[in-house]
Amino acid sequence: MTMFAPEAVYLLFSRPHGALYVGRTKDLVWRTWQHRTGAIPGHTKRHGIKQLGWYEWHDGFESAAHREYLIKRWRRAWKIALIETMNPGWKDLWFDNRGDFDEQVPIVTRLED
């Protein structure tokens, strides 16, 4: 029996109905922290996209990669509807998921993602 590591597909936003970003990761807390702090240059840093608006877990790479691929090709209105289904108040879900993760000084356990 093959074991699959869970992966999350997620949507970040800059402000309600603002700029959006779709991504996929094995470590949602760590990856969200990278976006929040601008640790990695790119689209999210350039547009101030820091808030976690929606996510879902998948049983492995193939399932998560396929879902990410599909959502990236969706119309903007569909992505907004997806966020509003799970998160109608556009709350930053980072605070619900980070546990005891210290936003100022993260513990680096791995460099890849």
N, C-alpha and C. Protein backbone atom coordinates (compact mmCIF):
# COMPACT_ATOMS: atom_id res chain seq x y z
N MET A 1 0.83 -1.18 0.00
CA MET A 1 0.00 0.00 0.00
C MET A 1 0.88 1.25 0.00
N THR A 2 0.63 2.17 -0.89
CA THR A 2 1.41 3.39 -0.99
C THR A 2 0.81 4.47 -0.09
N MET A 3 1.66 5.13 0.66
CA MET A 3 1.21 6.22 1.53
C MET A 3 1.47 7.55 0.82
N PHE A 4 0.52 8.43 0.87
CA PHE A 4 0.65 9.75 0.25
C PHE A 4 0.69 10.81 1.33
N ALA A 5 1.60 11.75 1.18
CA ALA A 5 1.66 12.88 2.10
C ALA A 5 0.55 13.86 1.72
N PRO A 6 -0.21 14.35 2.69
CA PRO A 6 -1.28 15.29 2.35
C PRO A 6 -0.70 16.60 1.81
N GLU A 7 -1.41 17.18 0.87
CA GLU A 7 -1.04 18.48 0.31
C GLU A 7 -2.26 19.38 0.33
N ALA A 8 -2.03 20.65 0.54
CA ALA A 8 -3.11 21.64 0.55
C ALA A 8 -3.07 22.46 -0.73
N VAL A 9 -4.25 22.75 -1.25
CA VAL A 9 -4.42 23.75 -2.30
C VAL A 9 -5.04 24.94 -1.59
N TYR A 10 -4.55 26.15 -1.87
CA TYR A 10 -5.00 27.31 -1.11
C TYR A 10 -5.15 28.54 -1.98
N LEU A 11 -5.95 29.48 -1.48
CA LEU A 11 -6.13 30.79 -2.11
C LEU A 11 -5.76 31.86 -1.10
N LEU A 12 -4.91 32.78 -1.51
CA LEU A 12 -4.56 33.94 -0.70
C LEU A 12 -5.19 35.18 -1.33
N PHE A 13 -5.39 36.21 -0.52
CA PHE A 13 -5.93 37.46 -1.05
C PHE A 13 -5.24 38.65 -0.38
N SER A 14 -5.24 39.79 -1.07
CA SER A 14 -4.64 41.00 -0.53
C SER A 14 -5.63 41.76 0.36
N ARG A 15 -6.87 41.75 -0.04
CA ARG A 15 -8.00 42.36 0.69
C ARG A 15 -9.25 41.73 0.10
N PRO A 16 -10.40 41.83 0.75
CA PRO A 16 -11.60 41.25 0.16
C PRO A 16 -11.81 41.74 -1.28
N HIS A 17 -11.96 40.81 -2.18
CA HIS A 17 -12.15 41.06 -3.61
C HIS A 17 -10.93 41.71 -4.26
N GLY A 18 -9.78 41.63 -3.61
CA GLY A 18 -8.55 42.20 -4.16
C GLY A 18 -7.78 41.18 -4.97
N ALA A 19 -6.47 41.34 -5.01
CA ALA A 19 -5.60 40.43 -5.76
C ALA A 19 -5.64 39.04 -5.14
N LEU A 20 -5.56 38.01 -5.99
CA LEU A 20 -5.64 36.62 -5.55
C LEU A 20 -4.40 35.83 -5.96
N TYR A 21 -4.16 34.74 -5.24
CA TYR A 21 -3.07 33.83 -5.58
C TYR A 21 -3.52 32.41 -5.25
N VAL A 22 -3.29 31.48 -6.16
CA VAL A 22 -3.60 30.06 -5.95
C VAL A 22 -2.28 29.31 -5.82
N GLY A 23 -2.18 28.46 -4.80
CA GLY A 23 -0.96 27.69 -4.61
C GLY A 23 -1.24 26.31 -4.06
N ARG A 24 -0.16 25.54 -3.90
CA ARG A 24 -0.23 24.17 -3.39
C ARG A 24 1.01 23.93 -2.54
N THR A 25 0.85 23.22 -1.43
CA THR A 25 1.97 22.97 -0.53
C THR A 25 1.72 21.77 0.37
N LYS A 26 2.80 21.19 0.89
CA LYS A 26 2.70 20.13 1.90
C LYS A 26 2.60 20.73 3.30
N ASP A 27 3.08 21.96 3.47
CA ASP A 27 3.12 22.60 4.78
C ASP A 27 2.43 23.96 4.69
N LEU A 28 1.14 23.98 4.95
CA LEU A 28 0.33 25.19 4.77
C LEU A 28 0.77 26.32 5.70
N VAL A 29 1.09 26.02 6.94
CA VAL A 29 1.50 27.07 7.88
C VAL A 29 2.81 27.72 7.42
N TRP A 30 3.80 26.90 7.10
CA TRP A 30 5.10 27.43 6.68
C TRP A 30 4.97 28.24 5.40
N ARG A 31 4.25 27.71 4.42
CA ARG A 31 4.13 28.38 3.13
C ARG A 31 3.37 29.70 3.27
N THR A 32 2.32 29.70 4.08
CA THR A 32 1.57 30.94 4.31
C THR A 32 2.47 31.97 4.99
N TRP A 33 3.28 31.52 5.94
CA TRP A 33 4.21 32.44 6.60
C TRP A 33 5.15 33.08 5.57
N GLN A 34 5.64 32.27 4.62
CA GLN A 34 6.53 32.81 3.59
C GLN A 34 5.84 33.91 2.78
N HIS A 35 4.58 33.69 2.45
CA HIS A 35 3.83 34.72 1.72
C HIS A 35 3.61 35.95 2.61
N ARG A 36 3.23 35.74 3.85
CA ARG A 36 2.91 36.84 4.76
C ARG A 36 4.10 37.77 4.99
N THR A 37 5.28 37.19 5.07
CA THR A 37 6.46 37.98 5.39
C THR A 37 7.22 38.46 4.16
N GLY A 38 6.80 38.03 2.98
CA GLY A 38 7.51 38.41 1.76
C GLY A 38 8.86 37.73 1.64
N ALA A 39 9.01 36.57 2.28
CA ALA A 39 10.29 35.87 2.28
C ALA A 39 10.72 35.43 0.89
N ILE A 40 9.76 35.25 0.00
CA ILE A 40 10.07 34.82 -1.36
C ILE A 40 9.55 35.88 -2.33
N PRO A 41 10.43 36.39 -3.19
CA PRO A 41 9.98 37.42 -4.14
C PRO A 41 9.01 36.83 -5.16
N GLY A 42 8.16 37.69 -5.69
CA GLY A 42 7.23 37.24 -6.73
C GLY A 42 5.90 37.95 -6.65
N HIS A 43 4.89 37.31 -7.23
CA HIS A 43 3.56 37.89 -7.35
C HIS A 43 2.96 38.30 -6.01
N THR A 44 3.03 37.41 -5.02
CA THR A 44 2.40 37.72 -3.73
C THR A 44 3.10 38.88 -3.02
N LYS A 45 4.40 38.93 -3.09
CA LYS A 45 5.13 40.03 -2.46
C LYS A 45 4.85 41.35 -3.18
N ARG A 46 4.87 41.30 -4.51
CA ARG A 46 4.65 42.49 -5.34
C ARG A 46 3.27 43.11 -5.11
N HIS A 47 2.26 42.26 -4.90
CA HIS A 47 0.88 42.74 -4.78
C HIS A 47 0.34 42.72 -3.36
N GLY A 48 1.17 42.43 -2.38
CA GLY A 48 0.75 42.45 -0.98
C GLY A 48 -0.29 41.38 -0.65
N ILE A 49 -0.17 40.23 -1.27
CA ILE A 49 -1.14 39.14 -1.06
C ILE A 49 -0.64 38.30 0.11
N LYS A 50 -1.29 38.46 1.27
CA LYS A 50 -0.79 37.85 2.50
C LYS A 50 -1.83 37.07 3.29
N GLN A 51 -3.09 37.20 2.97
CA GLN A 51 -4.13 36.61 3.80
C GLN A 51 -4.65 35.30 3.22
N LEU A 52 -4.74 34.30 4.07
CA LEU A 52 -5.23 32.98 3.66
C LEU A 52 -6.75 33.01 3.67
N GLY A 53 -7.36 32.81 2.50
CA GLY A 53 -8.81 32.92 2.40
C GLY A 53 -9.53 31.59 2.25
N TRP A 54 -8.85 30.58 1.70
CA TRP A 54 -9.49 29.28 1.45
C TRP A 54 -8.39 28.24 1.29
N TYR A 55 -8.70 27.00 1.68
CA TYR A 55 -7.79 25.89 1.45
C TYR A 55 -8.57 24.59 1.53
N GLU A 56 -7.99 23.55 0.93
CA GLU A 56 -8.53 22.20 1.07
C GLU A 56 -7.37 21.22 1.01
N TRP A 57 -7.50 20.11 1.72
CA TRP A 57 -6.46 19.10 1.78
C TRP A 57 -6.73 17.98 0.79
N HIS A 58 -5.65 17.44 0.24
CA HIS A 58 -5.71 16.33 -0.71
C HIS A 58 -4.79 15.22 -0.24
N ASP A 59 -5.04 14.00 -0.72
CA ASP A 59 -4.28 12.83 -0.27
C ASP A 59 -2.90 12.71 -0.88
N GLY A 60 -2.56 13.53 -1.83
CA GLY A 60 -1.24 13.41 -2.43
C GLY A 60 -1.00 14.43 -3.51
N PHE A 61 0.18 14.33 -4.10
CA PHE A 61 0.63 15.29 -5.10
C PHE A 61 -0.31 15.37 -6.31
N GLU A 62 -0.65 14.22 -6.89
CA GLU A 62 -1.42 14.23 -8.13
C GLU A 62 -2.77 14.90 -7.96
N SER A 63 -3.46 14.55 -6.90
CA SER A 63 -4.79 15.14 -6.65
C SER A 63 -4.69 16.64 -6.42
N ALA A 64 -3.72 17.05 -5.59
CA ALA A 64 -3.56 18.48 -5.28
C ALA A 64 -3.09 19.25 -6.51
N ALA A 65 -2.16 18.70 -7.26
CA ALA A 65 -1.66 19.39 -8.45
C ALA A 65 -2.76 19.56 -9.49
N HIS A 66 -3.60 18.55 -9.64
CA HIS A 66 -4.71 18.65 -10.60
C HIS A 66 -5.71 19.72 -10.17
N ARG A 67 -6.06 19.74 -8.88
CA ARG A 67 -7.01 20.75 -8.37
C ARG A 67 -6.43 22.15 -8.52
N GLU A 68 -5.15 22.33 -8.20
CA GLU A 68 -4.50 23.63 -8.35
C GLU A 68 -4.54 24.06 -9.82
N TYR A 69 -4.22 23.15 -10.72
CA TYR A 69 -4.24 23.42 -12.15
C TYR A 69 -5.62 23.91 -12.59
N LEU A 70 -6.66 23.24 -12.14
CA LEU A 70 -8.02 23.63 -12.52
C LEU A 70 -8.39 25.00 -11.97
N ILE A 71 -8.13 25.22 -10.68
CA ILE A 71 -8.52 26.49 -10.06
C ILE A 71 -7.77 27.66 -10.68
N LYS A 72 -6.50 27.47 -11.02
CA LYS A 72 -5.73 28.56 -11.64
C LYS A 72 -6.35 29.00 -12.96
N ARG A 73 -7.08 28.11 -13.61
CA ARG A 73 -7.69 28.44 -14.90
C ARG A 73 -9.13 28.94 -14.76
N TRP A 74 -9.66 28.93 -13.54
CA TRP A 74 -11.01 29.43 -13.31
C TRP A 74 -11.09 30.93 -13.53
N ARG A 75 -12.30 31.39 -13.77
CA ARG A 75 -12.57 32.83 -13.81
C ARG A 75 -12.41 33.38 -12.40
N ARG A 76 -12.08 34.65 -12.32
CA ARG A 76 -11.89 35.32 -11.04
C ARG A 76 -13.14 35.21 -10.16
N ALA A 77 -14.31 35.40 -10.75
CA ALA A 77 -15.57 35.33 -9.99
C ALA A 77 -15.76 33.97 -9.34
N TRP A 78 -15.32 32.90 -9.99
CA TRP A 78 -15.44 31.56 -9.42
C TRP A 78 -14.51 31.40 -8.23
N LYS A 79 -13.31 31.97 -8.31
CA LYS A 79 -12.37 31.91 -7.18
C LYS A 79 -12.92 32.67 -5.99
N ILE A 80 -13.51 33.83 -6.25
CA ILE A 80 -14.11 34.63 -5.18
C ILE A 80 -15.26 33.85 -4.54
N ALA A 81 -16.08 33.20 -5.36
CA ALA A 81 -17.18 32.40 -4.84
C ALA A 81 -16.66 31.24 -3.99
N LEU A 82 -15.55 30.65 -4.38
CA LEU A 82 -14.95 29.56 -3.61
C LEU A 82 -14.53 30.06 -2.23
N ILE A 83 -13.89 31.21 -2.18
CA ILE A 83 -13.51 31.80 -0.89
C ILE A 83 -14.75 32.07 -0.05
N GLU A 84 -15.76 32.69 -0.66
CA GLU A 84 -16.95 33.08 0.10
C GLU A 84 -17.77 31.90 0.58
N THR A 85 -17.63 30.75 -0.07
CA THR A 85 -18.33 29.54 0.39
C THR A 85 -17.75 29.07 1.72
N MET A 86 -16.42 29.05 1.83
CA MET A 86 -15.76 28.60 3.06
C MET A 86 -15.60 29.73 4.06
N ASN A 87 -15.47 30.93 3.58
CA ASN A 87 -15.05 32.06 4.39
C ASN A 87 -15.83 33.32 4.00
N PRO A 88 -17.14 33.37 4.29
CA PRO A 88 -17.97 34.48 3.82
C PRO A 88 -17.55 35.86 4.34
N GLY A 89 -16.89 35.92 5.48
CA GLY A 89 -16.45 37.20 6.03
C GLY A 89 -15.06 37.61 5.59
N TRP A 90 -14.44 36.86 4.71
CA TRP A 90 -13.07 37.10 4.24
C TRP A 90 -12.10 37.24 5.43
N LYS A 91 -12.27 36.38 6.41
CA LYS A 91 -11.38 36.34 7.56
C LYS A 91 -10.03 35.76 7.12
N ASP A 92 -8.95 36.23 7.71
CA ASP A 92 -7.63 35.67 7.43
C ASP A 92 -7.51 34.36 8.21
N LEU A 93 -7.58 33.23 7.50
CA LEU A 93 -7.57 31.91 8.14
C LEU A 93 -6.21 31.51 8.69
N TRP A 94 -5.20 32.31 8.43
CA TRP A 94 -3.85 32.06 8.98
C TRP A 94 -3.92 31.89 10.49
N PHE A 95 -4.69 32.75 11.15
CA PHE A 95 -4.74 32.74 12.61
C PHE A 95 -5.43 31.49 13.15
N ASP A 96 -6.28 30.85 12.35
CA ASP A 96 -6.93 29.62 12.77
C ASP A 96 -6.04 28.40 12.57
N ASN A 97 -5.05 28.50 11.70
CA ASN A 97 -4.23 27.35 11.31
C ASN A 97 -2.81 27.35 11.85
N ARG A 98 -2.33 28.46 12.33
CA ARG A 98 -0.92 28.54 12.66
C ARG A 98 -0.54 27.84 13.96
N GLY A 99 -1.50 27.52 14.80
CA GLY A 99 -1.19 26.86 16.06
C GLY A 99 -0.28 27.74 16.90
N ASP A 100 0.84 27.18 17.36
CA ASP A 100 1.77 27.96 18.17
C ASP A 100 2.92 28.51 17.34
N PHE A 101 2.74 28.56 16.05
CA PHE A 101 3.77 29.07 15.14
C PHE A 101 4.01 30.54 15.45
N ASP A 102 5.24 30.91 15.74
CA ASP A 102 5.59 32.29 16.06
C ASP A 102 5.85 33.04 14.75
N GLU A 103 5.01 34.01 14.45
CA GLU A 103 5.11 34.73 13.17
C GLU A 103 6.42 35.49 13.04
N GLN A 104 7.03 35.88 14.12
CA GLN A 104 8.25 36.67 14.06
C GLN A 104 9.50 35.82 13.84
N VAL A 105 9.58 34.67 14.50
CA VAL A 105 10.78 33.84 14.43
C VAL A 105 10.39 32.39 14.16
N PRO A 106 10.27 32.01 12.89
CA PRO A 106 9.88 30.64 12.58
C PRO A 106 11.04 29.68 12.79
N ILE A 107 10.71 28.44 13.06
CA ILE A 107 11.70 27.39 13.17
C ILE A 107 11.82 26.77 11.79
N VAL A 108 12.98 26.88 11.18
CA VAL A 108 13.19 26.37 9.83
C VAL A 108 13.55 24.90 9.93
N THR A 109 12.65 24.05 9.42
CA THR A 109 12.91 22.61 9.46
C THR A 109 13.30 22.08 8.10
N ARG A 110 12.97 22.82 7.05
CA ARG A 110 13.36 22.43 5.70
C ARG A 110 13.32 23.66 4.80
N LEU A 111 14.06 23.61 3.74
CA LEU A 111 14.16 24.76 2.86
C LEU A 111 13.32 24.62 1.60
N GLU A 112 13.00 23.42 1.19
CA GLU A 112 12.25 23.25 -0.05
C GLU A 112 10.77 23.39 0.20
N ASP A 113 10.04 23.70 -0.88
CA ASP A 113 8.58 23.70 -0.88
C ASP A 113 8.11 23.90 -2.29
